[in-house]
Amino acid sequence: MNITTDIYSLFVLLLALFTLGATLLAAYSIANAWRLRNIRLSWKCGRFLGYPLFATLFLAFSVVVGGYVWNSGMEQYNVIMASYSWMGLSWFLASYFSTKVYVTDHGIVKNVNDPSQTIAWHQIRDYVEKPTESGSEYIFIYQENGRLETRNKRLIRLELLVPDDKCSKFDKLVSLKIGKTMSPVPGTSFDIKAFD
């Protein structure tokens, strides 16, 4: 047994497992986003021009290094760099779809992979809108969904930053979906820190 060969084989096995895991996560995220129905509004929420920062940097780095390896004629590393590039693409797709916000006829989906960040319109008990430099920040207070009695259910808070170009459409949807049950009180002020 050669220790160098064993370490290399372990490295390739770990790379294959991480690539498979990233592929499955990307497929899960895409399937969750694809099965959403009646999407009325959506927007990107990543930190790098709307795209996920680390996944985008990893994908760009792996593509650049893979291109260098391809052009340099290092054929023994082609499969490894292709795996890194595929893993970067899978991570990017999973992050992109999970950070995108979807507003549907049924509710708000802040993260397609996290059910606790998905709320139905009928669960919302109260909300606050606060204008910011890049849009409006909404704080929704909603009741957890379950079969327990109403008085035993806890209230949960969901923060949502709506970009400027989506604010008017989002306001219309909010007023259409929950405006009948609650309406803002004009001329009142509140302390947004009270919700922290």
N, C-alpha and C. Protein backbone atom coordinates (compact mmCIF):
# COMPACT_ATOMS: atom_id res chain seq x y z
N MET A 1 0.83 -1.19 0.00
CA MET A 1 0.00 0.00 0.00
C MET A 1 0.87 1.24 0.00
N ASN A 2 0.53 2.17 -0.84
CA ASN A 2 1.24 3.43 -0.93
C ASN A 2 0.38 4.50 -0.26
N ILE A 3 0.95 5.19 0.71
CA ILE A 3 0.19 6.19 1.46
C ILE A 3 -0.27 7.34 0.56
N THR A 4 0.54 7.71 -0.43
CA THR A 4 0.18 8.79 -1.34
C THR A 4 -1.02 8.42 -2.19
N THR A 5 -1.05 7.19 -2.67
CA THR A 5 -2.18 6.71 -3.46
C THR A 5 -3.44 6.64 -2.62
N ASP A 6 -3.32 6.20 -1.37
CA ASP A 6 -4.48 6.11 -0.48
C ASP A 6 -5.04 7.48 -0.17
N ILE A 7 -4.20 8.46 0.07
CA ILE A 7 -4.67 9.82 0.35
C ILE A 7 -5.34 10.41 -0.88
N TYR A 8 -4.75 10.17 -2.05
CA TYR A 8 -5.35 10.67 -3.29
C TYR A 8 -6.71 10.03 -3.53
N SER A 9 -6.82 8.72 -3.28
CA SER A 9 -8.09 8.03 -3.46
C SER A 9 -9.14 8.56 -2.48
N LEU A 10 -8.74 8.83 -1.23
CA LEU A 10 -9.66 9.40 -0.25
C LEU A 10 -10.10 10.80 -0.66
N PHE A 11 -9.17 11.58 -1.20
CA PHE A 11 -9.49 12.92 -1.69
C PHE A 11 -10.50 12.87 -2.82
N VAL A 12 -10.30 11.96 -3.77
CA VAL A 12 -11.22 11.83 -4.90
C VAL A 12 -12.58 11.34 -4.42
N LEU A 13 -12.61 10.42 -3.46
CA LEU A 13 -13.87 9.93 -2.91
C LEU A 13 -14.64 11.05 -2.21
N LEU A 14 -13.96 11.85 -1.40
CA LEU A 14 -14.61 12.98 -0.73
C LEU A 14 -15.12 14.00 -1.74
N LEU A 15 -14.34 14.27 -2.76
CA LEU A 15 -14.78 15.20 -3.81
C LEU A 15 -16.03 14.67 -4.51
N ALA A 16 -16.05 13.38 -4.79
CA ALA A 16 -17.22 12.78 -5.44
C ALA A 16 -18.45 12.86 -4.53
N LEU A 17 -18.28 12.62 -3.23
CA LEU A 17 -19.41 12.69 -2.29
C LEU A 17 -19.93 14.12 -2.17
N PHE A 18 -19.04 15.10 -2.07
CA PHE A 18 -19.48 16.49 -1.99
C PHE A 18 -20.15 16.94 -3.29
N THR A 19 -19.65 16.47 -4.42
CA THR A 19 -20.28 16.81 -5.70
C THR A 19 -21.67 16.21 -5.80
N LEU A 20 -21.82 14.97 -5.36
CA LEU A 20 -23.13 14.33 -5.35
C LEU A 20 -24.09 15.06 -4.40
N GLY A 21 -23.59 15.42 -3.21
CA GLY A 21 -24.42 16.15 -2.25
C GLY A 21 -24.86 17.51 -2.79
N ALA A 22 -23.96 18.23 -3.43
CA ALA A 22 -24.30 19.53 -4.01
C ALA A 22 -25.31 19.37 -5.14
N THR A 23 -25.17 18.31 -5.93
CA THR A 23 -26.11 18.06 -7.03
C THR A 23 -27.51 17.77 -6.47
N LEU A 24 -27.58 16.95 -5.42
CA LEU A 24 -28.88 16.64 -4.82
C LEU A 24 -29.52 17.87 -4.19
N LEU A 25 -28.72 18.71 -3.55
CA LEU A 25 -29.25 19.95 -2.96
C LEU A 25 -29.77 20.89 -4.04
N ALA A 26 -29.04 20.99 -5.15
CA ALA A 26 -29.50 21.84 -6.26
C ALA A 26 -30.80 21.30 -6.85
N ALA A 27 -30.88 19.98 -7.03
CA ALA A 27 -32.11 19.39 -7.57
C ALA A 27 -33.28 19.61 -6.62
N TYR A 28 -33.04 19.49 -5.32
CA TYR A 28 -34.09 19.73 -4.31
C TYR A 28 -34.57 21.18 -4.34
N SER A 29 -33.64 22.12 -4.43
CA SER A 29 -34.00 23.55 -4.47
C SER A 29 -34.76 23.90 -5.74
N ILE A 30 -34.30 23.40 -6.87
CA ILE A 30 -34.98 23.67 -8.14
C ILE A 30 -36.38 23.05 -8.14
N ALA A 31 -36.50 21.84 -7.62
CA ALA A 31 -37.81 21.19 -7.57
C ALA A 31 -38.77 21.96 -6.65
N ASN A 32 -38.28 22.45 -5.52
CA ASN A 32 -39.12 23.23 -4.61
C ASN A 32 -39.58 24.53 -5.27
N ALA A 33 -38.69 25.18 -6.00
CA ALA A 33 -39.07 26.43 -6.68
C ALA A 33 -40.01 26.13 -7.85
N TRP A 34 -39.78 25.05 -8.54
CA TRP A 34 -40.59 24.71 -9.71
C TRP A 34 -42.01 24.34 -9.34
N ARG A 35 -42.22 23.75 -8.14
CA ARG A 35 -43.56 23.32 -7.78
C ARG A 35 -44.42 24.44 -7.20
N LEU A 36 -43.86 25.62 -7.02
CA LEU A 36 -44.67 26.75 -6.58
C LEU A 36 -45.66 27.13 -7.68
N ARG A 37 -46.87 27.42 -7.28
CA ARG A 37 -47.91 27.77 -8.24
C ARG A 37 -48.41 29.18 -8.01
N ASN A 38 -48.91 29.79 -9.06
CA ASN A 38 -49.50 31.13 -9.01
C ASN A 38 -48.54 32.17 -8.43
N ILE A 39 -47.33 32.21 -8.96
CA ILE A 39 -46.34 33.19 -8.51
C ILE A 39 -46.72 34.55 -9.08
N ARG A 40 -46.93 35.50 -8.20
CA ARG A 40 -47.32 36.84 -8.63
C ARG A 40 -46.11 37.79 -8.69
N LEU A 41 -45.10 37.52 -7.88
CA LEU A 41 -43.97 38.42 -7.78
C LEU A 41 -42.78 37.64 -7.24
N SER A 42 -41.59 37.95 -7.72
CA SER A 42 -40.37 37.33 -7.17
C SER A 42 -39.20 38.27 -7.41
N TRP A 43 -38.18 38.13 -6.55
CA TRP A 43 -36.97 38.93 -6.72
C TRP A 43 -35.79 38.22 -6.07
N LYS A 44 -34.60 38.59 -6.56
CA LYS A 44 -33.36 38.01 -6.05
C LYS A 44 -32.94 38.74 -4.78
N CYS A 45 -32.40 38.00 -3.83
CA CYS A 45 -32.00 38.59 -2.55
C CYS A 45 -30.54 38.32 -2.20
N GLY A 46 -29.73 37.90 -3.16
CA GLY A 46 -28.33 37.62 -2.86
C GLY A 46 -27.54 38.88 -2.56
N ARG A 47 -26.37 38.72 -2.00
CA ARG A 47 -25.55 39.85 -1.57
C ARG A 47 -24.62 40.38 -2.66
N PHE A 48 -24.52 39.69 -3.79
CA PHE A 48 -23.63 40.09 -4.87
C PHE A 48 -24.47 40.37 -6.11
N LEU A 49 -24.95 41.60 -6.24
CA LEU A 49 -25.81 42.01 -7.35
C LEU A 49 -27.06 41.12 -7.46
N GLY A 50 -27.57 40.70 -6.33
CA GLY A 50 -28.74 39.84 -6.30
C GLY A 50 -28.43 38.35 -6.33
N TYR A 51 -27.17 38.00 -6.50
CA TYR A 51 -26.76 36.60 -6.54
C TYR A 51 -26.06 36.24 -5.23
N PRO A 52 -26.06 34.96 -4.86
CA PRO A 52 -25.39 34.55 -3.62
C PRO A 52 -23.87 34.77 -3.72
N LEU A 53 -23.31 35.43 -2.74
CA LEU A 53 -21.92 35.87 -2.79
C LEU A 53 -20.92 34.71 -2.86
N PHE A 54 -20.90 33.84 -1.86
CA PHE A 54 -19.87 32.80 -1.79
C PHE A 54 -20.03 31.76 -2.89
N ALA A 55 -21.26 31.41 -3.21
CA ALA A 55 -21.47 30.44 -4.29
C ALA A 55 -21.02 31.01 -5.63
N THR A 56 -21.28 32.30 -5.86
CA THR A 56 -20.85 32.93 -7.11
C THR A 56 -19.33 33.00 -7.19
N LEU A 57 -18.67 33.37 -6.09
CA LEU A 57 -17.21 33.44 -6.08
C LEU A 57 -16.59 32.06 -6.27
N PHE A 58 -17.15 31.04 -5.61
CA PHE A 58 -16.62 29.68 -5.76
C PHE A 58 -16.78 29.19 -7.20
N LEU A 59 -17.95 29.45 -7.80
CA LEU A 59 -18.18 29.03 -9.18
C LEU A 59 -17.22 29.73 -10.13
N ALA A 60 -17.05 31.04 -9.97
CA ALA A 60 -16.14 31.79 -10.84
C ALA A 60 -14.70 31.30 -10.68
N PHE A 61 -14.27 31.08 -9.43
CA PHE A 61 -12.91 30.61 -9.19
C PHE A 61 -12.68 29.22 -9.79
N SER A 62 -13.65 28.31 -9.61
CA SER A 62 -13.47 26.96 -10.13
C SER A 62 -13.48 26.94 -11.66
N VAL A 63 -14.27 27.81 -12.28
CA VAL A 63 -14.27 27.88 -13.75
C VAL A 63 -12.95 28.45 -14.27
N VAL A 64 -12.44 29.49 -13.59
CA VAL A 64 -11.16 30.08 -14.02
C VAL A 64 -10.02 29.08 -13.87
N VAL A 65 -9.95 28.41 -12.72
CA VAL A 65 -8.88 27.42 -12.51
C VAL A 65 -9.06 26.24 -13.46
N GLY A 66 -10.31 25.81 -13.68
CA GLY A 66 -10.56 24.73 -14.63
C GLY A 66 -10.14 25.10 -16.04
N GLY A 67 -10.40 26.35 -16.44
CA GLY A 67 -9.94 26.82 -17.76
C GLY A 67 -8.44 26.83 -17.86
N TYR A 68 -7.77 27.23 -16.79
CA TYR A 68 -6.30 27.24 -16.78
C TYR A 68 -5.76 25.81 -16.90
N VAL A 69 -6.35 24.88 -16.15
CA VAL A 69 -5.91 23.49 -16.20
C VAL A 69 -6.14 22.92 -17.60
N TRP A 70 -7.26 23.24 -18.22
CA TRP A 70 -7.58 22.75 -19.56
C TRP A 70 -6.58 23.29 -20.59
N ASN A 71 -6.29 24.60 -20.51
CA ASN A 71 -5.39 25.21 -21.49
C ASN A 71 -3.93 24.81 -21.27
N SER A 72 -3.58 24.46 -20.05
CA SER A 72 -2.19 24.09 -19.75
C SER A 72 -1.87 22.65 -20.12
N GLY A 73 -2.89 21.90 -20.48
CA GLY A 73 -2.65 20.52 -20.89
C GLY A 73 -2.42 19.56 -19.73
N MET A 74 -2.94 19.86 -18.56
CA MET A 74 -2.82 18.96 -17.41
C MET A 74 -4.03 18.02 -17.38
N GLU A 75 -4.02 17.02 -18.26
CA GLU A 75 -5.18 16.15 -18.43
C GLU A 75 -5.52 15.37 -17.18
N GLN A 76 -4.55 15.09 -16.33
CA GLN A 76 -4.81 14.28 -15.14
C GLN A 76 -5.72 15.01 -14.13
N TYR A 77 -5.85 16.33 -14.27
CA TYR A 77 -6.69 17.11 -13.35
C TYR A 77 -8.03 17.54 -13.96
N ASN A 78 -8.29 17.14 -15.19
CA ASN A 78 -9.52 17.56 -15.86
C ASN A 78 -10.77 17.08 -15.12
N VAL A 79 -10.77 15.82 -14.69
CA VAL A 79 -11.94 15.27 -14.00
C VAL A 79 -12.14 15.97 -12.65
N ILE A 80 -11.05 16.22 -11.96
CA ILE A 80 -11.16 16.90 -10.66
C ILE A 80 -11.68 18.32 -10.82
N MET A 81 -11.16 19.05 -11.78
CA MET A 81 -11.63 20.42 -11.99
C MET A 81 -13.06 20.45 -12.54
N ALA A 82 -13.43 19.46 -13.33
CA ALA A 82 -14.82 19.37 -13.78
C ALA A 82 -15.75 19.12 -12.60
N SER A 83 -15.29 18.29 -11.64
CA SER A 83 -16.09 18.05 -10.43
C SER A 83 -16.24 19.32 -9.61
N TYR A 84 -15.16 20.08 -9.46
CA TYR A 84 -15.25 21.35 -8.73
C TYR A 84 -16.17 22.34 -9.43
N SER A 85 -16.08 22.38 -10.75
CA SER A 85 -16.96 23.29 -11.50
C SER A 85 -18.42 22.87 -11.37
N TRP A 86 -18.69 21.56 -11.46
CA TRP A 86 -20.06 21.08 -11.31
C TRP A 86 -20.58 21.34 -9.89
N MET A 87 -19.71 21.12 -8.90
CA MET A 87 -20.10 21.40 -7.52
C MET A 87 -20.38 22.89 -7.34
N GLY A 88 -19.57 23.74 -7.95
CA GLY A 88 -19.80 25.18 -7.87
C GLY A 88 -21.10 25.59 -8.54
N LEU A 89 -21.40 25.00 -9.70
CA LEU A 89 -22.66 25.29 -10.38
C LEU A 89 -23.85 24.82 -9.55
N SER A 90 -23.74 23.63 -8.96
CA SER A 90 -24.82 23.11 -8.13
C SER A 90 -25.03 23.97 -6.89
N TRP A 91 -23.95 24.38 -6.26
CA TRP A 91 -24.05 25.24 -5.07
C TRP A 91 -24.67 26.58 -5.46
N PHE A 92 -24.25 27.12 -6.60
CA PHE A 92 -24.81 28.39 -7.07
C PHE A 92 -26.32 28.27 -7.30
N LEU A 93 -26.75 27.22 -7.99
CA LEU A 93 -28.18 27.05 -8.27
C LEU A 93 -28.99 26.85 -6.99
N ALA A 94 -28.46 26.04 -6.07
CA ALA A 94 -29.16 25.82 -4.80
C ALA A 94 -29.27 27.12 -4.01
N SER A 95 -28.20 27.89 -3.95
CA SER A 95 -28.22 29.16 -3.22
C SER A 95 -29.10 30.19 -3.90
N TYR A 96 -29.06 30.23 -5.22
CA TYR A 96 -29.86 31.20 -5.96
C TYR A 96 -31.35 30.98 -5.73
N PHE A 97 -31.79 29.73 -5.86
CA PHE A 97 -33.22 29.46 -5.70
C PHE A 97 -33.66 29.53 -4.25
N SER A 98 -32.77 29.26 -3.31
CA SER A 98 -33.18 29.32 -1.90
C SER A 98 -33.15 30.75 -1.36
N THR A 99 -32.42 31.66 -1.98
CA THR A 99 -32.42 33.05 -1.51
C THR A 99 -33.42 33.92 -2.25
N LYS A 100 -34.03 33.39 -3.28
CA LYS A 100 -35.01 34.16 -4.05
C LYS A 100 -36.34 34.18 -3.29
N VAL A 101 -37.00 35.33 -3.28
CA VAL A 101 -38.29 35.48 -2.60
C VAL A 101 -39.40 35.33 -3.63
N TYR A 102 -40.40 34.54 -3.28
CA TYR A 102 -41.56 34.34 -4.13
C TYR A 102 -42.81 34.78 -3.38
N VAL A 103 -43.65 35.55 -4.06
CA VAL A 103 -44.94 35.94 -3.50
C VAL A 103 -46.00 35.31 -4.39
N THR A 104 -46.80 34.44 -3.79
CA THR A 104 -47.80 33.70 -4.55
C THR A 104 -49.21 34.09 -4.09
N ASP A 105 -50.20 33.50 -4.71
CA ASP A 105 -51.58 33.71 -4.28
C ASP A 105 -51.82 33.13 -2.89
N HIS A 106 -50.99 32.19 -2.48
CA HIS A 106 -51.19 31.51 -1.21
C HIS A 106 -50.38 32.11 -0.06
N GLY A 107 -49.29 32.82 -0.37
CA GLY A 107 -48.48 33.40 0.69
C GLY A 107 -47.12 33.87 0.22
N ILE A 108 -46.21 34.00 1.18
CA ILE A 108 -44.86 34.50 0.93
C ILE A 108 -43.87 33.38 1.20
N VAL A 109 -42.98 33.15 0.25
CA VAL A 109 -41.94 32.13 0.39
C VAL A 109 -40.61 32.85 0.37
N LYS A 110 -39.96 32.96 1.54
CA LYS A 110 -38.67 33.64 1.61
C LYS A 110 -37.52 32.70 1.29
N ASN A 111 -37.70 31.42 1.58
CA ASN A 111 -36.69 30.41 1.31
C ASN A 111 -37.41 29.12 0.95
N VAL A 112 -37.26 28.64 -0.28
CA VAL A 112 -38.00 27.46 -0.71
C VAL A 112 -37.58 26.20 0.03
N ASN A 113 -36.41 26.20 0.65
CA ASN A 113 -35.93 25.02 1.36
C ASN A 113 -36.23 25.04 2.85
N ASP A 114 -36.80 26.12 3.36
CA ASP A 114 -37.05 26.25 4.80
C ASP A 114 -38.52 26.56 5.04
N PRO A 115 -39.29 25.58 5.47
CA PRO A 115 -40.73 25.81 5.69
C PRO A 115 -41.03 26.88 6.74
N SER A 116 -40.10 27.13 7.66
CA SER A 116 -40.37 28.15 8.68
C SER A 116 -40.31 29.56 8.10
N GLN A 117 -39.79 29.72 6.89
CA GLN A 117 -39.75 31.02 6.23
C GLN A 117 -40.77 31.11 5.11
N THR A 118 -41.79 30.29 5.21
CA THR A 118 -42.91 30.31 4.28
C THR A 118 -44.17 30.56 5.09
N ILE A 119 -44.89 31.61 4.74
CA ILE A 119 -46.12 31.90 5.48
C ILE A 119 -47.29 32.07 4.52
N ALA A 120 -48.42 31.54 4.94
CA ALA A 120 -49.64 31.71 4.18
C ALA A 120 -50.27 33.04 4.57
N TRP A 121 -51.04 33.61 3.67
CA TRP A 121 -51.65 34.91 3.94
C TRP A 121 -52.55 34.84 5.17
N HIS A 122 -53.26 33.74 5.36
CA HIS A 122 -54.20 33.65 6.48
C HIS A 122 -53.50 33.53 7.84
N GLN A 123 -52.19 33.20 7.86
CA GLN A 123 -51.46 33.10 9.12
C GLN A 123 -51.03 34.46 9.66
N ILE A 124 -50.97 35.47 8.81
CA ILE A 124 -50.45 36.77 9.21
C ILE A 124 -51.43 37.44 10.16
N ARG A 125 -50.91 37.84 11.33
CA ARG A 125 -51.73 38.51 12.34
C ARG A 125 -51.50 40.02 12.36
N ASP A 126 -50.30 40.44 11.96
CA ASP A 126 -49.99 41.87 11.94
C ASP A 126 -48.75 42.06 11.08
N TYR A 127 -48.56 43.28 10.60
CA TYR A 127 -47.35 43.59 9.84
C TYR A 127 -47.02 45.06 9.98
N VAL A 128 -45.75 45.35 9.77
CA VAL A 128 -45.24 46.72 9.86
C VAL A 128 -44.38 46.95 8.63
N GLU A 129 -44.48 48.13 8.03
CA GLU A 129 -43.66 48.50 6.90
C GLU A 129 -42.78 49.66 7.30
N LYS A 130 -41.49 49.55 6.98
CA LYS A 130 -40.54 50.61 7.29
C LYS A 130 -39.74 50.92 6.02
N PRO A 131 -39.82 52.15 5.49
CA PRO A 131 -39.03 52.50 4.31
C PRO A 131 -37.53 52.51 4.62
N THR A 132 -36.74 52.01 3.67
CA THR A 132 -35.28 52.01 3.79
C THR A 132 -34.70 52.64 2.53
N GLU A 133 -33.37 52.69 2.45
CA GLU A 133 -32.71 53.29 1.29
C GLU A 133 -32.92 52.47 0.02
N SER A 134 -32.98 51.16 0.16
CA SER A 134 -33.07 50.31 -1.03
C SER A 134 -34.45 49.72 -1.26
N GLY A 135 -35.43 50.13 -0.48
CA GLY A 135 -36.78 49.60 -0.65
C GLY A 135 -37.59 49.79 0.62
N SER A 136 -38.36 48.79 0.96
CA SER A 136 -39.16 48.80 2.18
C SER A 136 -38.92 47.50 2.93
N GLU A 137 -38.77 47.64 4.25
CA GLU A 137 -38.61 46.46 5.08
C GLU A 137 -39.96 46.16 5.74
N TYR A 138 -40.42 44.95 5.54
CA TYR A 138 -41.67 44.50 6.14
C TYR A 138 -41.35 43.53 7.26
N ILE A 139 -42.07 43.66 8.33
CA ILE A 139 -42.00 42.71 9.43
C ILE A 139 -43.39 42.11 9.56
N PHE A 140 -43.49 40.82 9.28
CA PHE A 140 -44.75 40.12 9.39
C PHE A 140 -44.76 39.30 10.67
N ILE A 141 -45.82 39.44 11.44
CA ILE A 141 -46.02 38.63 12.63
C ILE A 141 -47.10 37.61 12.25
N TYR A 142 -46.75 36.34 12.34
CA TYR A 142 -47.70 35.31 11.93
C TYR A 142 -47.76 34.20 12.97
N GLN A 143 -48.84 33.46 12.90
CA GLN A 143 -49.07 32.39 13.85
C GLN A 143 -48.58 31.08 13.27
N GLU A 144 -47.89 30.32 14.11
CA GLU A 144 -47.36 29.05 13.62
C GLU A 144 -48.50 28.13 13.25
N ASN A 145 -48.30 27.40 12.18
CA ASN A 145 -49.33 26.52 11.66
C ASN A 145 -49.25 25.18 12.37
N GLY A 146 -50.35 24.67 12.82
CA GLY A 146 -50.36 23.39 13.51
C GLY A 146 -51.76 23.04 13.94
N ARG A 147 -51.87 21.91 14.62
CA ARG A 147 -53.18 21.44 15.04
C ARG A 147 -53.50 21.78 16.48
N LEU A 148 -52.60 22.49 17.14
CA LEU A 148 -52.85 22.86 18.52
C LEU A 148 -53.94 23.92 18.59
N GLU A 149 -54.45 24.11 19.79
CA GLU A 149 -55.45 25.16 19.96
C GLU A 149 -54.85 26.51 19.64
N THR A 150 -55.70 27.45 19.21
CA THR A 150 -55.24 28.77 18.79
C THR A 150 -54.53 29.50 19.91
N ARG A 151 -54.97 29.37 21.12
CA ARG A 151 -54.35 30.14 22.22
C ARG A 151 -52.96 29.62 22.58
N ASN A 152 -52.64 28.37 22.22
CA ASN A 152 -51.34 27.80 22.52
C ASN A 152 -50.32 28.00 21.42
N LYS A 153 -50.73 28.54 20.29
CA LYS A 153 -49.80 28.72 19.17
C LYS A 153 -48.95 29.95 19.42
N ARG A 154 -47.69 29.85 19.06
CA ARG A 154 -46.79 30.99 19.26
C ARG A 154 -46.75 31.86 18.02
N LEU A 155 -46.42 33.12 18.22
CA LEU A 155 -46.29 34.06 17.12
C LEU A 155 -44.84 34.10 16.67
N ILE A 156 -44.64 34.16 15.36
CA ILE A 156 -43.30 34.16 14.77
C ILE A 156 -43.17 35.41 13.92
N ARG A 157 -41.96 35.88 13.81
CA ARG A 157 -41.67 37.10 13.06
C ARG A 157 -40.86 36.75 11.81
N LEU A 158 -41.25 37.37 10.70
CA LEU A 158 -40.53 37.19 9.44
C LEU A 158 -40.21 38.56 8.88
N GLU A 159 -38.93 38.82 8.64
CA GLU A 159 -38.50 40.09 8.06
C GLU A 159 -38.28 39.91 6.57
N LEU A 160 -38.72 40.90 5.81
CA LEU A 160 -38.63 40.81 4.36
C LEU A 160 -38.28 42.17 3.80
N LEU A 161 -37.18 42.23 3.04
CA LEU A 161 -36.78 43.48 2.38
C LEU A 161 -37.28 43.43 0.94
N VAL A 162 -38.14 44.39 0.60
CA VAL A 162 -38.72 44.46 -0.74
C VAL A 162 -37.99 45.56 -1.50
N PRO A 163 -37.39 45.26 -2.67
CA PRO A 163 -36.68 46.29 -3.42
C PRO A 163 -37.63 47.38 -3.94
N ASP A 164 -37.05 48.54 -4.23
CA ASP A 164 -37.84 49.69 -4.68
C ASP A 164 -38.72 49.38 -5.88
N ASP A 165 -38.18 48.68 -6.86
CA ASP A 165 -38.95 48.43 -8.08
C ASP A 165 -40.09 47.44 -7.88
N LYS A 166 -40.12 46.74 -6.75
CA LYS A 166 -41.19 45.77 -6.47
C LYS A 166 -42.17 46.27 -5.41
N CYS A 167 -41.89 47.42 -4.80
CA CYS A 167 -42.69 47.89 -3.66
C CYS A 167 -44.16 48.13 -4.00
N SER A 168 -44.43 48.79 -5.09
CA SER A 168 -45.83 49.11 -5.40
C SER A 168 -46.64 47.85 -5.68
N LYS A 169 -46.06 46.90 -6.42
CA LYS A 169 -46.77 45.65 -6.69
C LYS A 169 -46.96 44.84 -5.41
N PHE A 170 -45.93 44.85 -4.56
CA PHE A 170 -46.03 44.10 -3.31
C PHE A 170 -47.08 44.73 -2.39
N ASP A 171 -47.11 46.06 -2.32
CA ASP A 171 -48.13 46.75 -1.52
C ASP A 171 -49.53 46.38 -1.99
N LYS A 172 -49.73 46.33 -3.30
CA LYS A 172 -51.04 45.96 -3.84
C LYS A 172 -51.43 44.54 -3.45
N LEU A 173 -50.44 43.62 -3.53
CA LEU A 173 -50.73 42.24 -3.14
C LEU A 173 -51.05 42.12 -1.66
N VAL A 174 -50.29 42.83 -0.83
CA VAL A 174 -50.54 42.78 0.61
C VAL A 174 -51.92 43.34 0.93
N SER A 175 -52.26 44.47 0.34
CA SER A 175 -53.57 45.05 0.61
C SER A 175 -54.69 44.18 0.06
N LEU A 176 -54.45 43.49 -1.05
CA LEU A 176 -55.45 42.60 -1.61
C LEU A 176 -55.65 41.37 -0.74
N LYS A 177 -54.55 40.79 -0.26
CA LYS A 177 -54.63 39.53 0.47
C LYS A 177 -54.99 39.69 1.94
N ILE A 178 -54.44 40.70 2.61
CA ILE A 178 -54.73 40.85 4.05
C ILE A 178 -55.30 42.21 4.40
N GLY A 179 -55.50 43.06 3.40
CA GLY A 179 -56.04 44.39 3.67
C GLY A 179 -57.47 44.36 4.15
N LYS A 180 -58.21 43.30 3.84
CA LYS A 180 -59.60 43.21 4.27
C LYS A 180 -59.69 42.91 5.76
N THR A 181 -58.70 42.22 6.30
CA THR A 181 -58.75 41.86 7.71
C THR A 181 -58.02 42.85 8.60
N MET A 182 -57.07 43.58 8.06
CA MET A 182 -56.35 44.58 8.84
C MET A 182 -55.94 45.72 7.93
N SER A 183 -55.86 46.90 8.48
CA SER A 183 -55.46 48.05 7.68
C SER A 183 -54.56 48.93 8.52
N PRO A 184 -53.60 49.61 7.88
CA PRO A 184 -52.71 50.48 8.63
C PRO A 184 -53.46 51.69 9.17
N VAL A 185 -52.99 52.17 10.31
CA VAL A 185 -53.59 53.35 10.92
C VAL A 185 -52.82 54.56 10.46
N PRO A 186 -53.45 55.48 9.73
CA PRO A 186 -52.72 56.65 9.22
C PRO A 186 -52.40 57.63 10.34
N GLY A 187 -51.26 58.27 10.21
CA GLY A 187 -50.87 59.32 11.14
C GLY A 187 -50.33 58.85 12.46
N THR A 188 -50.07 57.56 12.61
CA THR A 188 -49.49 57.06 13.85
C THR A 188 -48.02 56.73 13.63
N SER A 189 -47.25 56.78 14.68
CA SER A 189 -45.85 56.42 14.59
C SER A 189 -45.58 55.28 15.55
N PHE A 190 -44.54 54.55 15.28
CA PHE A 190 -44.18 53.42 16.12
C PHE A 190 -42.68 53.30 16.16
N ASP A 191 -42.20 52.57 17.13
CA ASP A 191 -40.79 52.32 17.28
C ASP A 191 -40.49 50.93 16.71
N ILE A 192 -39.75 50.87 15.62
CA ILE A 192 -39.47 49.59 14.98
C ILE A 192 -38.63 48.70 15.88
N LYS A 193 -37.87 49.29 16.81
CA LYS A 193 -37.04 48.50 17.73
C LYS A 193 -37.90 47.72 18.71
N ALA A 194 -39.16 48.11 18.90
CA ALA A 194 -40.04 47.39 19.79
C ALA A 194 -40.29 45.97 19.31
N PHE A 195 -40.09 45.72 18.01
CA PHE A 195 -40.30 44.39 17.46
C PHE A 195 -39.05 43.53 17.55
N ASP A 196 -37.93 44.08 17.97
CA ASP A 196 -36.69 43.31 18.06
C ASP A 196 -36.65 42.43 19.28
